[in-house]
């Protein structure tokens, strides 16, 4: 039912109540009930509610926050939960001096359309690339060194450092990350969280693997 027709029926029923307008208002009410029910059925069919419940369980947030809050809030809350387990305290206040200038990025150009037959073409999954880099190079605020003096002290303490260098604002920014050497006690907060989430994902996929095609069939039925 078009919304302008609903408004017309409502206006007529308000100005001149009659058995005819009452019958039309019942049609509008029935349409609104079905419309609301379809939204709920769509959420159930797409398993959206279960997905949000899993997010609340993992990120330690309320079901309301999982629906209406941004992902940054959920990530921050998850990091806070893990930092509490590691006896760490972090400040969630927003810095007043926020850098507004942008970091240099890669040049993106439109690809040439067609089929490549001379060389092999591979797809690069950036969604998993960034977490992999964070885990590999131990990129975490608690494992980042910003000064040369602290870097020298860390090297004297037999820590292996990974140098980070990039241009920004007409100068070169330098920092170092402490390599974890596959030792848990050396891993930063971010890599620990990502590894834990990755392990949970692998466990879930292993549990769903025996279902195979049956899982897809059940998904279509639900």
C-alpha atoms as a PDB file:
ATOM      1  CA  UNK A   1       0.000   0.000   0.000  1.00  0.00           C
ATOM      2  CA  UNK A   2       1.530   3.377  -0.979  1.00  0.00           C
ATOM      3  CA  UNK A   3       2.218   5.695   1.934  1.00  0.00           C
ATOM      4  CA  UNK A   4       0.277   8.569   0.336  1.00  0.00           C
ATOM      5  CA  UNK A   5      -2.814   6.362   0.187  1.00  0.00           C
ATOM      6  CA  UNK A   6      -2.430   5.476   3.872  1.00  0.00           C
ATOM      7  CA  UNK A   7      -2.195   9.171   4.763  1.00  0.00           C
ATOM      8  CA  UNK A   8      -5.287   9.889   2.663  1.00  0.00           C
ATOM      9  CA  UNK A   9      -7.288   7.151   4.416  1.00  0.00           C
ATOM     10  CA  UNK A  10      -6.114   8.364   7.817  1.00  0.00           C
ATOM     11  CA  UNK A  11      -7.021  11.996   7.019  1.00  0.00           C
ATOM     12  CA  UNK A  12     -10.483  11.022   5.759  1.00  0.00           C
ATOM     13  CA  UNK A  13     -11.138   8.873   8.835  1.00  0.00           C
ATOM     14  CA  UNK A  14     -10.066  11.721  11.109  1.00  0.00           C
ATOM     15  CA  UNK A  15     -12.198  14.353   9.384  1.00  0.00           C
ATOM     16  CA  UNK A  16     -15.307  12.274   8.647  1.00  0.00           C
ATOM     17  CA  UNK A  17     -15.578   9.049  10.714  1.00  0.00           C
ATOM     18  CA  UNK A  18     -17.913   6.544   9.094  1.00  0.00           C
ATOM     19  CA  UNK A  19     -18.290   2.779   8.623  1.00  0.00           C
ATOM     20  CA  UNK A  20     -16.507   3.127   5.264  1.00  0.00           C
ATOM     21  CA  UNK A  21     -13.479   4.954   6.684  1.00  0.00           C
ATOM     22  CA  UNK A  22     -13.409   2.522   9.627  1.00  0.00           C
ATOM     23  CA  UNK A  23     -13.189  -0.394   7.181  1.00  0.00           C
ATOM     24  CA  UNK A  24     -10.349   1.318   5.319  1.00  0.00           C
ATOM     25  CA  UNK A  25      -8.524   1.994   8.593  1.00  0.00           C
ATOM     26  CA  UNK A  26      -8.767  -1.716   9.413  1.00  0.00           C
ATOM     27  CA  UNK A  27      -7.072  -2.393   6.073  1.00  0.00           C
ATOM     28  CA  UNK A  28      -4.310   0.068   6.974  1.00  0.00           C
ATOM     29  CA  UNK A  29      -3.867  -1.544  10.399  1.00  0.00           C
ATOM     30  CA  UNK A  30      -3.703  -5.002   8.830  1.00  0.00           C
ATOM     31  CA  UNK A  31      -1.096  -3.775   6.330  1.00  0.00           C
ATOM     32  CA  UNK A  32       1.040  -2.253   9.122  1.00  0.00           C
ATOM     33  CA  UNK A  33       0.911  -5.469  11.155  1.00  0.00           C
ATOM     34  CA  UNK A  34       1.968  -7.582   8.168  1.00  0.00           C
ATOM     35  CA  UNK A  35       4.707  -5.076   7.284  1.00  0.00           C
ATOM     36  CA  UNK A  36       6.139  -5.276  10.816  1.00  0.00           C
ATOM     37  CA  UNK A  37       5.884  -9.078  10.768  1.00  0.00           C
ATOM     38  CA  UNK A  38       7.797  -9.288   7.479  1.00  0.00           C
ATOM     39  CA  UNK A  39      10.702  -7.372   9.034  1.00  0.00           C
ATOM     40  CA  UNK A  40      10.879  -9.901  11.859  1.00  0.00           C
ATOM     41  CA  UNK A  41      10.635 -12.832   9.441  1.00  0.00           C
ATOM     42  CA  UNK A  42      13.424 -11.340   7.328  1.00  0.00           C
ATOM     43  CA  UNK A  43      15.679 -11.018  10.385  1.00  0.00           C
ATOM     44  CA  UNK A  44      15.018 -14.657  11.272  1.00  0.00           C
ATOM     45  CA  UNK A  45      15.601 -15.866   7.702  1.00  0.00           C
ATOM     46  CA  UNK A  46      18.926 -14.018   7.439  1.00  0.00           C
ATOM     47  CA  UNK A  47      19.885 -15.125  10.967  1.00  0.00           C
ATOM     48  CA  UNK A  48      20.622 -11.511  11.857  1.00  0.00           C
ATOM     49  CA  UNK A  49      19.473 -11.830  15.463  1.00  0.00           C
ATOM     50  CA  UNK A  50      21.748 -14.820  16.094  1.00  0.00           C
ATOM     51  CA  UNK A  51      24.654 -12.942  14.514  1.00  0.00           C
ATOM     52  CA  UNK A  52      24.100  -9.974  16.807  1.00  0.00           C
ATOM     53  CA  UNK A  53      23.863 -12.296  19.802  1.00  0.00           C
ATOM     54  CA  UNK A  54      27.240 -13.784  18.920  1.00  0.00           C
ATOM     55  CA  UNK A  55      28.711 -10.277  18.678  1.00  0.00           C
ATOM     56  CA  UNK A  56      27.350  -9.402  22.117  1.00  0.00           C
ATOM     57  CA  UNK A  57      28.841 -12.584  23.547  1.00  0.00           C
ATOM     58  CA  UNK A  58      32.287 -11.999  22.052  1.00  0.00           C
ATOM     59  CA  UNK A  59      32.568  -8.214  22.478  1.00  0.00           C
ATOM     60  CA  UNK A  60      30.858  -8.098  25.906  1.00  0.00           C
ATOM     61  CA  UNK A  61      28.284  -5.517  24.818  1.00  0.00           C
ATOM     62  CA  UNK A  62      24.517  -5.359  25.116  1.00  0.00           C
ATOM     63  CA  UNK A  63      22.208  -6.530  22.345  1.00  0.00           C
ATOM     64  CA  UNK A  64      21.114  -2.914  21.859  1.00  0.00           C
ATOM     65  CA  UNK A  65      24.718  -1.774  21.363  1.00  0.00           C
ATOM     66  CA  UNK A  66      25.396  -4.595  18.912  1.00  0.00           C
ATOM     67  CA  UNK A  67      22.525  -3.292  16.765  1.00  0.00           C
ATOM     68  CA  UNK A  68      22.926   0.467  16.985  1.00  0.00           C
ATOM     69  CA  UNK A  69      26.536   1.227  17.934  1.00  0.00           C
ATOM     70  CA  UNK A  70      29.473   1.452  15.560  1.00  0.00           C
ATOM     71  CA  UNK A  71      32.016  -1.354  15.236  1.00  0.00           C
ATOM     72  CA  UNK A  72      34.711   0.824  16.809  1.00  0.00           C
ATOM     73  CA  UNK A  73      32.842   0.777  20.107  1.00  0.00           C
ATOM     74  CA  UNK A  74      32.651  -3.026  20.032  1.00  0.00           C
ATOM     75  CA  UNK A  75      36.353  -3.356  19.225  1.00  0.00           C
ATOM     76  CA  UNK A  76      37.273  -0.986  22.045  1.00  0.00           C
ATOM     77  CA  UNK A  77      35.113  -2.925  24.490  1.00  0.00           C
ATOM     78  CA  UNK A  78      36.653  -6.217  23.369  1.00  0.00           C
ATOM     79  CA  UNK A  79      40.165  -4.823  23.842  1.00  0.00           C
ATOM     80  CA  UNK A  80      39.160  -3.595  27.288  1.00  0.00           C
ATOM     81  CA  UNK A  81      37.992  -7.076  28.266  1.00  0.00           C
ATOM     82  CA  UNK A  82      41.258  -8.672  27.111  1.00  0.00           C
ATOM     83  CA  UNK A  83      43.375  -5.974  28.741  1.00  0.00           C
ATOM     84  CA  UNK A  84      41.608  -6.658  32.049  1.00  0.00           C
ATOM     85  CA  UNK A  85      42.594 -10.328  31.755  1.00  0.00           C
ATOM     86  CA  UNK A  86      46.216  -9.264  31.177  1.00  0.00           C
ATOM     87  CA  UNK A  87      46.190  -6.806  34.137  1.00  0.00           C
ATOM     88  CA  UNK A  88      46.434  -3.856  31.758  1.00  0.00           C
ATOM     89  CA  UNK A  89      44.743  -0.467  31.940  1.00  0.00           C
ATOM     90  CA  UNK A  90      44.164   1.785  28.937  1.00  0.00           C
ATOM     91  CA  UNK A  91      42.611   5.214  28.526  1.00  0.00           C
ATOM     92  CA  UNK A  92      39.612   5.502  26.197  1.00  0.00           C
ATOM     93  CA  UNK A  93      39.504   9.296  26.177  1.00  0.00           C
ATOM     94  CA  UNK A  94      39.718  10.941  22.779  1.00  0.00           C
ATOM     95  CA  UNK A  95      42.917  12.892  22.209  1.00  0.00           C
ATOM     96  CA  UNK A  96      42.357  16.642  21.865  1.00  0.00           C
ATOM     97  CA  UNK A  97      45.112  17.152  19.296  1.00  0.00           C
ATOM     98  CA  UNK A  98      43.771  14.999  16.486  1.00  0.00           C
ATOM     99  CA  UNK A  99      45.886  14.871  13.339  1.00  0.00           C
ATOM    100  CA  UNK A 100      43.723  16.011  10.421  1.00  0.00           C
ATOM    101  CA  UNK A 101      46.234  15.531   7.635  1.00  0.00           C
ATOM    102  CA  UNK A 102      46.233  12.265   5.712  1.00  0.00           C
ATOM    103  CA  UNK A 103      48.924   9.641   5.380  1.00  0.00           C
ATOM    104  CA  UNK A 104      50.229   8.851   1.904  1.00  0.00           C
ATOM    105  CA  UNK A 105      48.572   5.896   0.256  1.00  0.00           C
ATOM    106  CA  UNK A 106      48.977   3.816  -2.860  1.00  0.00           C
ATOM    107  CA  UNK A 107      48.040   5.107  -6.281  1.00  0.00           C
ATOM    108  CA  UNK A 108      44.842   3.429  -7.455  1.00  0.00           C
ATOM    109  CA  UNK A 109      44.149   3.288 -11.177  1.00  0.00           C
ATOM    110  CA  UNK A 110      41.363   1.583 -13.162  1.00  0.00           C
ATOM    111  CA  UNK A 111      42.324  -1.881 -14.438  1.00  0.00           C
ATOM    112  CA  UNK A 112      42.502  -2.777 -18.100  1.00  0.00           C
ATOM    113  CA  UNK A 113      39.458  -4.842 -18.986  1.00  0.00           C
ATOM    114  CA  UNK A 114      39.954  -8.221 -20.587  1.00  0.00           C
ATOM    115  CA  UNK A 115      41.255 -11.731 -19.931  1.00  0.00           C
ATOM    116  CA  UNK A 116      44.899 -12.113 -18.890  1.00  0.00           C
ATOM    117  CA  UNK A 117      46.398 -15.173 -20.613  1.00  0.00           C
ATOM    118  CA  UNK A 118      50.139 -14.432 -20.426  1.00  0.00           C
ATOM    119  CA  UNK A 119      50.541 -14.434 -16.654  1.00  0.00           C
ATOM    120  CA  UNK A 120      48.792 -15.932 -13.647  1.00  0.00           C
ATOM    121  CA  UNK A 121      46.415 -13.611 -11.805  1.00  0.00           C
ATOM    122  CA  UNK A 122      45.953 -13.921  -8.053  1.00  0.00           C
ATOM    123  CA  UNK A 123      43.442 -12.248  -5.768  1.00  0.00           C
ATOM    124  CA  UNK A 124      44.692 -10.421  -2.682  1.00  0.00           C
ATOM    125  CA  UNK A 125      42.436 -10.682   0.354  1.00  0.00           C
ATOM    126  CA  UNK A 126      42.947  -7.403   2.215  1.00  0.00           C
ATOM    127  CA  UNK A 127      40.390  -8.405   4.845  1.00  0.00           C
ATOM    128  CA  UNK A 128      42.760 -11.063   6.189  1.00  0.00           C
ATOM    129  CA  UNK A 129      45.976  -9.284   5.144  1.00  0.00           C
ATOM    130  CA  UNK A 130      45.837  -6.584   7.813  1.00  0.00           C
ATOM    131  CA  UNK A 131      45.163  -8.942  10.753  1.00  0.00           C
ATOM    132  CA  UNK A 132      47.940 -11.216   9.483  1.00  0.00           C
ATOM    133  CA  UNK A 133      50.409  -8.313   9.429  1.00  0.00           C
ATOM    134  CA  UNK A 134      49.379  -7.252  12.935  1.00  0.00           C
ATOM    135  CA  UNK A 135      49.942 -10.767  14.262  1.00  0.00           C
ATOM    136  CA  UNK A 136      53.189 -11.319  12.340  1.00  0.00           C
ATOM    137  CA  UNK A 137      54.890  -8.037  13.279  1.00  0.00           C
ATOM    138  CA  UNK A 138      53.333  -7.694  16.750  1.00  0.00           C
ATOM    139  CA  UNK A 139      51.731  -4.358  15.891  1.00  0.00           C
ATOM    140  CA  UNK A 140      50.130  -3.230  19.129  1.00  0.00           C
ATOM    141  CA  UNK A 141      50.333   0.044  21.120  1.00  0.00           C
ATOM    142  CA  UNK A 142      51.892  -1.740  24.087  1.00  0.00           C
ATOM    143  CA  UNK A 143      54.660  -3.134  21.849  1.00  0.00           C
ATOM    144  CA  UNK A 144      55.454  -0.002  19.817  1.00  0.00           C
ATOM    145  CA  UNK A 145      58.612   2.030  20.527  1.00  0.00           C
ATOM    146  CA  UNK A 146      58.679   5.648  19.369  1.00  0.00           C
ATOM    147  CA  UNK A 147      62.191   6.887  20.283  1.00  0.00           C
ATOM    148  CA  UNK A 148      65.735   5.818  19.374  1.00  0.00           C
ATOM    149  CA  UNK A 149      66.794   5.675  23.028  1.00  0.00           C
ATOM    150  CA  UNK A 150      64.024   3.248  23.974  1.00  0.00           C
ATOM    151  CA  UNK A 151      64.798   1.170  20.883  1.00  0.00           C
ATOM    152  CA  UNK A 152      68.456   0.864  21.920  1.00  0.00           C
ATOM    153  CA  UNK A 153      67.437  -0.190  25.430  1.00  0.00           C
ATOM    154  CA  UNK A 154      65.087  -2.827  24.014  1.00  0.00           C
ATOM    155  CA  UNK A 155      67.832  -4.204  21.762  1.00  0.00           C
ATOM    156  CA  UNK A 156      70.242  -4.367  24.706  1.00  0.00           C
ATOM    157  CA  UNK A 157      67.635  -6.473  26.492  1.00  0.00           C
ATOM    158  CA  UNK A 158      67.884  -8.968  23.595  1.00  0.00           C
ATOM    159  CA  UNK A 159      64.644  -7.964  21.915  1.00  0.00           C
ATOM    160  CA  UNK A 160      64.358  -8.201  18.144  1.00  0.00           C
ATOM    161  CA  UNK A 161      62.819  -5.056  16.676  1.00  0.00           C
ATOM    162  CA  UNK A 162      61.012  -4.428  13.415  1.00  0.00           C
ATOM    163  CA  UNK A 163      61.612  -0.936  12.059  1.00  0.00           C
ATOM    164  CA  UNK A 164      58.644   1.043  10.745  1.00  0.00           C
ATOM    165  CA  UNK A 165      59.292   4.049   8.527  1.00  0.00           C
ATOM    166  CA  UNK A 166      57.065   6.165   6.297  1.00  0.00           C
ATOM    167  CA  UNK A 167      56.846   9.789   5.068  1.00  0.00           C
ATOM    168  CA  UNK A 168      54.302  12.134   6.634  1.00  0.00           C
ATOM    169  CA  UNK A 169      53.916  15.913   6.635  1.00  0.00           C
ATOM    170  CA  UNK A 170      57.256  16.537   4.902  1.00  0.00           C
ATOM    171  CA  UNK A 171      59.175  14.410   7.398  1.00  0.00           C
ATOM    172  CA  UNK A 172      59.953  10.749   8.036  1.00  0.00           C
ATOM    173  CA  UNK A 173      58.124   8.984  10.855  1.00  0.00           C
ATOM    174  CA  UNK A 174      60.066   6.189  12.563  1.00  0.00           C
ATOM    175  CA  UNK A 175      58.963   3.596  15.082  1.00  0.00           C
ATOM    176  CA  UNK A 176      59.816   0.039  16.099  1.00  0.00           C
ATOM    177  CA  UNK A 177      57.705  -2.946  17.058  1.00  0.00           C
ATOM    178  CA  UNK A 178      59.025  -5.631  19.390  1.00  0.00           C
ATOM    179  CA  UNK A 179      58.972  -9.041  17.669  1.00  0.00           C
ATOM    180  CA  UNK A 180      57.245 -11.737  19.697  1.00  0.00           C
ATOM    181  CA  UNK A 181      59.332 -14.714  18.438  1.00  0.00           C
ATOM    182  CA  UNK A 182      56.183 -16.868  18.780  1.00  0.00           C
ATOM    183  CA  UNK A 183      56.290 -16.458  22.562  1.00  0.00           C
ATOM    184  CA  UNK A 184      52.985 -15.644  24.230  1.00  0.00           C
ATOM    185  CA  UNK A 185      54.480 -13.411  26.914  1.00  0.00           C
ATOM    186  CA  UNK A 186      55.990 -11.174  24.210  1.00  0.00           C
ATOM    187  CA  UNK A 187      52.813 -10.798  22.171  1.00  0.00           C
ATOM    188  CA  UNK A 188      50.937  -7.506  22.319  1.00  0.00           C
ATOM    189  CA  UNK A 189      47.275  -6.999  23.073  1.00  0.00           C
ATOM    190  CA  UNK A 190      46.123  -6.726  19.452  1.00  0.00           C
ATOM    191  CA  UNK A 191      47.837  -9.921  18.200  1.00  0.00           C
ATOM    192  CA  UNK A 192      46.504 -11.903  21.169  1.00  0.00           C
ATOM    193  CA  UNK A 193      42.937 -10.769  20.478  1.00  0.00           C
ATOM    194  CA  UNK A 194      43.227 -11.499  16.753  1.00  0.00           C
ATOM    195  CA  UNK A 195      44.722 -14.942  17.324  1.00  0.00           C
ATOM    196  CA  UNK A 196      41.978 -15.809  19.780  1.00  0.00           C
ATOM    197  CA  UNK A 197      39.274 -14.692  17.344  1.00  0.00           C
ATOM    198  CA  UNK A 198      40.954 -16.631  14.533  1.00  0.00           C
ATOM    199  CA  UNK A 199      41.081 -19.796  16.650  1.00  0.00           C
ATOM    200  CA  UNK A 200      37.411 -19.433  17.554  1.00  0.00           C
ATOM    201  CA  UNK A 201      36.575 -19.069  13.866  1.00  0.00           C
ATOM    202  CA  UNK A 202      38.535 -22.205  12.977  1.00  0.00           C
ATOM    203  CA  UNK A 203      36.825 -24.174  15.763  1.00  0.00           C
ATOM    204  CA  UNK A 204      33.407 -23.068  14.532  1.00  0.00           C
ATOM    205  CA  UNK A 205      34.221 -23.993  10.926  1.00  0.00           C
ATOM    206  CA  UNK A 206      35.433 -27.406  12.103  1.00  0.00           C
ATOM    207  CA  UNK A 207      32.137 -27.979  13.923  1.00  0.00           C
ATOM    208  CA  UNK A 208      30.119 -26.976  10.850  1.00  0.00           C
ATOM    209  CA  UNK A 209      32.243 -28.950   8.370  1.00  0.00           C
ATOM    210  CA  UNK A 210      30.538 -32.355   9.003  1.00  0.00           C
ATOM    211  CA  UNK A 211      27.181 -30.830   8.084  1.00  0.00           C
ATOM    212  CA  UNK A 212      28.403 -29.953   4.592  1.00  0.00           C
ATOM    213  CA  UNK A 213      25.598 -29.365   2.114  1.00  0.00           C
ATOM    214  CA  UNK A 214      23.039 -30.114   4.797  1.00  0.00           C
ATOM    215  CA  UNK A 215      23.980 -26.826   6.497  1.00  0.00           C
ATOM    216  CA  UNK A 216      23.187 -24.864   3.319  1.00  0.00           C
ATOM    217  CA  UNK A 217      19.888 -26.710   2.945  1.00  0.00           C
ATOM    218  CA  UNK A 218      18.908 -25.948   6.540  1.00  0.00           C
ATOM    219  CA  UNK A 219      19.820 -22.305   6.004  1.00  0.00           C
ATOM    220  CA  UNK A 220      17.417 -22.089   3.058  1.00  0.00           C
ATOM    221  CA  UNK A 221      14.622 -23.751   5.038  1.00  0.00           C
ATOM    222  CA  UNK A 222      15.033 -21.439   8.031  1.00  0.00           C
END
